[in-house]
């Protein structure tokens, strides 16, 4: 009897001390009818790198000064450290890892995928160049699936992320670092929370969910691209969260294919 009681008490203590990380559900009504709110619920926490002490290209608005055409872009940097940020916005004075970045826009779209019965909320960054060409669009997509049919509640199932000419994905619970909000942005190793920590490659801007700082030059291996958490940004004010449908399909962004209106058309074809 005492042994059983001891076992119960130990189990209760372990349960009490173990942190409960919540993949907070939202209703299908919000996903369908209040998409701006839904988009915020699964938005990534962006991280930007500082290879060899140099600032990488920081995202900017994808439109020209008048807002009626594409950003003209800037010349590719060819992987030269001191040219990475040339023509790109200033992320702010670096004060060590996890320095809050300056205002930057995140574009987003929402797509219902009938074949998989999922909602896919996709988040885009525009860079005026990368190491290989003028203009660069990159994205990650939060996949929502119904987990409580009786109450019409949905949770985050997976994350799809752009990776050079293709994409990669992880189940939500397998993402190495997630957070609930800005208050825990310094936390590492927290899984199955609401916002994925996404690390942007410093040269070609591939999207990663892990850091890697072994090679701080333009790596020959795509997986070795330098990425770190020197600057961090979680979309907050309404002005930095822009509907991707504002980017016209006919606008010319060179060879980059991952612009919002294009990805919206084929994101449902990405397997999870």
Protein backbone atom coordinates (compact mmCIF):
# COMPACT_ATOMS: atom_id res chain seq x y z
CA UNK A 1 0.00 0.00 0.00
CA UNK A 2 2.76 2.42 1.00
CA UNK A 3 4.77 1.41 -2.06
CA UNK A 4 1.80 2.12 -4.33
CA UNK A 5 1.20 5.48 -2.64
CA UNK A 6 4.87 6.37 -3.07
CA UNK A 7 4.72 5.51 -6.76
CA UNK A 8 1.63 7.68 -7.24
CA UNK A 9 3.24 10.62 -5.43
CA UNK A 10 6.42 10.37 -7.51
CA UNK A 11 4.41 10.23 -10.73
CA UNK A 12 2.40 13.26 -9.68
CA UNK A 13 5.56 15.17 -8.81
CA UNK A 14 7.13 14.37 -12.19
CA UNK A 15 3.97 15.48 -13.97
CA UNK A 16 3.91 18.70 -11.97
CA UNK A 17 7.57 19.50 -12.68
CA UNK A 18 7.49 18.63 -16.37
CA UNK A 19 6.68 21.74 -18.45
CA UNK A 20 3.55 21.47 -20.58
CA UNK A 21 4.26 22.91 -24.00
CA UNK A 22 1.08 23.67 -25.83
CA UNK A 23 0.38 23.49 -29.54
CA UNK A 24 -2.53 25.84 -28.87
CA UNK A 25 -5.60 24.88 -30.93
CA UNK A 26 -7.75 27.36 -32.81
CA UNK A 27 -11.18 26.91 -34.35
CA UNK A 28 -11.87 26.12 -37.97
CA UNK A 29 -14.01 29.25 -38.08
CA UNK A 30 -10.97 31.41 -37.35
CA UNK A 31 -8.90 29.63 -40.00
CA UNK A 32 -11.63 30.25 -42.55
CA UNK A 33 -13.09 33.61 -41.59
CA UNK A 34 -10.52 35.46 -39.46
CA UNK A 35 -7.39 34.64 -41.37
CA UNK A 36 -5.27 37.53 -40.16
CA UNK A 37 -5.65 36.22 -36.60
CA UNK A 38 -5.01 32.65 -37.74
CA UNK A 39 -1.88 33.74 -39.60
CA UNK A 40 -0.44 35.27 -36.46
CA UNK A 41 -1.16 32.11 -34.48
CA UNK A 42 1.37 30.05 -36.43
CA UNK A 43 3.82 32.69 -37.64
CA UNK A 44 7.53 31.89 -37.52
CA UNK A 45 10.07 33.62 -35.32
CA UNK A 46 12.68 34.67 -37.88
CA UNK A 47 16.42 34.56 -37.13
CA UNK A 48 19.19 36.18 -39.16
CA UNK A 49 22.92 35.56 -39.27
CA UNK A 50 26.17 37.48 -39.04
CA UNK A 51 28.79 35.39 -40.88
CA UNK A 52 32.39 36.35 -40.10
CA UNK A 53 31.07 39.44 -38.33
CA UNK A 54 29.31 40.82 -41.41
CA UNK A 55 25.60 41.59 -41.68
CA UNK A 56 23.63 39.39 -44.08
CA UNK A 57 20.90 40.78 -46.35
CA UNK A 58 17.85 41.75 -44.26
CA UNK A 59 14.32 41.41 -45.69
CA UNK A 60 12.55 44.42 -47.16
CA UNK A 61 9.31 45.37 -48.89
CA UNK A 62 8.75 43.62 -52.18
CA UNK A 63 7.27 46.69 -53.86
CA UNK A 64 8.71 49.87 -55.30
CA UNK A 65 8.42 53.21 -53.50
CA UNK A 66 4.95 53.84 -54.96
CA UNK A 67 3.72 50.36 -54.16
CA UNK A 68 2.49 49.81 -57.71
CA UNK A 69 5.24 47.51 -58.95
CA UNK A 70 8.05 45.23 -57.84
CA UNK A 71 11.07 46.28 -55.85
CA UNK A 72 13.82 46.88 -58.45
CA UNK A 73 16.18 44.68 -56.47
CA UNK A 74 19.93 44.97 -55.93
CA UNK A 75 22.96 43.19 -57.36
CA UNK A 76 23.89 39.70 -56.19
CA UNK A 77 26.67 39.61 -53.60
CA UNK A 78 28.49 36.49 -54.91
CA UNK A 79 29.05 35.32 -51.35
CA UNK A 80 31.44 38.17 -50.51
CA UNK A 81 30.98 38.97 -46.82
CA UNK A 82 31.12 42.74 -47.07
CA UNK A 83 28.67 42.76 -49.99
CA UNK A 84 26.00 40.62 -48.31
CA UNK A 85 24.09 43.59 -46.90
CA UNK A 86 24.77 46.03 -49.75
CA UNK A 87 21.47 47.61 -50.75
CA UNK A 88 19.56 45.81 -47.96
CA UNK A 89 17.94 47.40 -44.88
CA UNK A 90 19.86 47.72 -41.63
CA UNK A 91 18.69 45.12 -39.07
CA UNK A 92 19.88 47.34 -36.23
CA UNK A 93 22.95 47.56 -34.04
CA UNK A 94 24.11 44.10 -33.05
CA UNK A 95 24.21 43.63 -29.27
CA UNK A 96 24.97 39.92 -29.15
CA UNK A 97 22.90 36.88 -30.06
CA UNK A 98 19.13 37.30 -30.11
CA UNK A 99 19.32 41.04 -30.76
CA UNK A 100 15.79 42.22 -31.68
CA UNK A 101 15.77 43.10 -35.37
CA UNK A 102 14.32 46.29 -36.81
CA UNK A 103 10.88 46.41 -38.43
CA UNK A 104 10.61 44.12 -41.46
CA UNK A 105 7.65 42.86 -43.49
CA UNK A 106 6.34 39.30 -43.55
CA UNK A 107 3.94 38.46 -46.39
CA UNK A 108 1.41 35.69 -45.89
CA UNK A 109 -1.25 33.66 -47.69
CA UNK A 110 -3.87 31.11 -46.59
CA UNK A 111 -4.72 28.05 -48.68
CA UNK A 112 -7.31 25.32 -48.11
CA UNK A 113 -5.99 21.95 -49.33
CA UNK A 114 -8.96 19.68 -49.88
CA UNK A 115 -6.98 16.53 -50.74
CA UNK A 116 -5.24 16.52 -47.36
CA UNK A 117 -7.97 18.37 -45.42
CA UNK A 118 -5.43 20.89 -44.17
CA UNK A 119 -5.05 24.64 -44.05
CA UNK A 120 -1.64 25.91 -45.10
CA UNK A 121 -0.65 29.36 -43.91
CA UNK A 122 2.48 30.41 -45.74
CA UNK A 123 4.89 33.17 -44.68
CA UNK A 124 7.21 34.87 -47.14
CA UNK A 125 10.30 37.04 -46.93
CA UNK A 126 11.55 39.15 -49.81
CA UNK A 127 15.26 39.97 -50.16
CA UNK A 128 16.50 42.42 -52.78
CA UNK A 129 19.25 39.92 -53.65
CA UNK A 130 21.06 36.81 -52.51
CA UNK A 131 24.50 35.45 -53.32
CA UNK A 132 23.40 34.17 -56.72
CA UNK A 133 20.94 36.64 -58.21
CA UNK A 134 18.89 39.82 -57.90
CA UNK A 135 15.58 39.26 -56.04
CA UNK A 136 14.91 36.40 -53.68
CA UNK A 137 11.65 35.10 -52.23
CA UNK A 138 11.69 32.44 -49.51
CA UNK A 139 8.93 30.92 -47.36
CA UNK A 140 7.81 28.59 -44.63
CA UNK A 141 4.29 27.17 -44.39
CA UNK A 142 2.46 26.15 -41.22
CA UNK A 143 0.14 23.20 -41.87
CA UNK A 144 -3.01 23.06 -39.73
CA UNK A 145 -5.02 19.84 -39.29
CA UNK A 146 -8.25 19.13 -37.42
CA UNK A 147 -7.57 17.29 -34.16
CA UNK A 148 -10.92 17.66 -32.40
CA UNK A 149 -13.80 17.14 -34.81
CA UNK A 150 -16.50 17.56 -32.17
CA UNK A 151 -15.35 21.08 -31.30
CA UNK A 152 -13.84 21.91 -34.70
CA UNK A 153 -10.40 22.55 -33.22
CA UNK A 154 -7.22 22.57 -35.30
CA UNK A 155 -3.55 22.34 -34.34
CA UNK A 156 -0.25 22.73 -36.16
CA UNK A 157 0.72 19.47 -37.86
CA UNK A 158 3.85 20.29 -39.88
CA UNK A 159 6.15 22.99 -41.22
CA UNK A 160 7.10 23.17 -44.89
CA UNK A 161 10.11 25.35 -45.71
CA UNK A 162 11.69 26.53 -48.92
CA UNK A 163 15.05 25.00 -49.67
CA UNK A 164 16.75 26.29 -52.81
CA UNK A 165 14.82 24.87 -55.81
CA UNK A 166 12.59 22.66 -53.66
CA UNK A 167 11.22 22.29 -50.15
CA UNK A 168 11.62 20.27 -46.97
CA UNK A 169 9.29 19.62 -44.08
CA UNK A 170 9.12 18.49 -40.45
CA UNK A 171 6.31 17.29 -38.26
CA UNK A 172 5.51 20.05 -35.80
CA UNK A 173 6.58 18.05 -32.77
CA UNK A 174 9.97 17.37 -34.37
CA UNK A 175 10.93 21.03 -34.80
CA UNK A 176 13.94 21.61 -32.57
CA UNK A 177 12.96 25.02 -31.19
CA UNK A 178 9.50 26.55 -30.84
CA UNK A 179 8.14 29.32 -28.63
CA UNK A 180 4.76 30.46 -27.32
CA UNK A 181 5.41 34.18 -27.77
CA UNK A 182 8.12 36.84 -27.62
CA UNK A 183 8.55 36.44 -23.85
CA UNK A 184 10.27 33.06 -24.27
CA UNK A 185 12.31 33.92 -27.37
CA UNK A 186 15.55 33.04 -25.55
CA UNK A 187 14.34 29.51 -24.78
CA UNK A 188 16.03 26.67 -26.67
CA UNK A 189 14.90 23.06 -27.02
CA UNK A 190 11.22 23.76 -26.40
CA UNK A 191 9.08 21.61 -28.67
CA UNK A 192 5.47 21.66 -29.83
CA UNK A 193 4.80 25.30 -28.92
CA UNK A 194 3.07 27.81 -31.21
CA UNK A 195 5.81 29.56 -33.22
CA UNK A 196 8.73 27.78 -34.92
CA UNK A 197 12.19 29.28 -34.70
CA UNK A 198 13.31 29.61 -38.32
CA UNK A 199 16.94 30.32 -39.17
CA UNK A 200 17.55 32.04 -42.51
CA UNK A 201 20.65 30.99 -44.43
CA UNK A 202 23.10 33.89 -44.65
CA UNK A 203 23.96 33.54 -48.34
CA UNK A 204 21.18 31.87 -50.36
CA UNK A 205 18.49 32.28 -47.69
CA UNK A 206 17.33 28.67 -47.48
CA UNK A 207 15.04 28.14 -44.49
CA UNK A 208 16.21 25.94 -41.61
CA UNK A 209 14.93 24.94 -38.17
CA UNK A 210 18.43 24.41 -36.78
CA UNK A 211 21.52 26.59 -36.47
CA UNK A 212 24.86 25.81 -38.10
CA UNK A 213 27.93 28.00 -37.80
CA UNK A 214 30.81 25.70 -38.81
CA UNK A 215 31.34 27.24 -42.27
CA UNK A 216 30.92 31.02 -42.55
CA UNK A 217 31.57 31.22 -46.29
CA UNK A 218 29.31 30.31 -49.21
CA UNK A 219 29.27 26.56 -48.60
CA UNK A 220 29.32 24.03 -51.42
CA UNK A 221 26.91 21.86 -49.44
CA UNK A 222 23.40 23.30 -49.20
CA UNK A 223 22.92 21.80 -45.74
CA UNK A 224 26.01 23.61 -44.43
CA UNK A 225 24.78 27.13 -45.18
CA UNK A 226 25.68 29.42 -42.28
CA UNK A 227 22.69 30.34 -40.09
CA UNK A 228 22.46 31.62 -36.55
CA UNK A 229 20.40 33.69 -34.13
CA UNK A 230 22.21 37.04 -34.22
CA UNK A 231 19.00 38.98 -34.91
CA UNK A 232 15.50 37.78 -34.11
CA UNK A 233 12.10 39.03 -35.25
CA UNK A 234 8.56 37.83 -34.49
CA UNK A 235 5.89 39.55 -36.61
CA UNK A 236 3.90 41.80 -34.31
CA UNK A 237 2.31 45.07 -35.47
CA UNK A 238 -0.26 44.91 -38.25
CA UNK A 239 1.90 47.02 -40.53
CA UNK A 240 4.59 44.32 -40.75
CA UNK A 241 2.14 41.54 -41.67
CA UNK A 242 1.13 41.95 -45.33
CA UNK A 243 -1.35 39.93 -47.37
CA UNK A 244 0.61 38.16 -50.11
CA UNK A 245 -2.17 38.66 -52.63
CA UNK A 246 -0.97 42.26 -52.93
CA UNK A 247 2.01 40.94 -54.92
CA UNK A 248 0.81 40.72 -58.51
CA UNK A 249 1.55 37.55 -60.40
CA UNK A 250 2.72 39.50 -63.45
CA UNK A 251 5.37 41.47 -61.56
CA UNK A 252 8.88 40.51 -62.60
CA UNK A 253 11.13 39.17 -59.85
CA UNK A 254 13.61 37.48 -62.15
CA UNK A 255 14.25 33.78 -61.67
CA UNK A 256 12.98 33.47 -58.10
CA UNK A 257 9.92 31.22 -58.13
CA UNK A 258 8.71 31.31 -54.53
CA UNK A 259 6.65 34.50 -54.66
CA UNK A 260 3.31 34.46 -52.78
CA UNK A 261 0.90 34.16 -55.69
CA UNK A 262 2.92 31.33 -57.22
CA UNK A 263 3.39 29.30 -54.05
CA UNK A 264 -0.31 29.73 -53.24
CA UNK A 265 -1.08 27.79 -56.43
CA UNK A 266 1.05 24.74 -55.61
CA UNK A 267 1.59 24.63 -51.83
CA UNK A 268 -1.07 21.89 -51.53
CA UNK A 269 1.10 19.62 -53.67
CA UNK A 270 3.88 19.66 -51.08
CA UNK A 271 3.81 16.36 -49.20
CA UNK A 272 3.93 16.29 -45.40
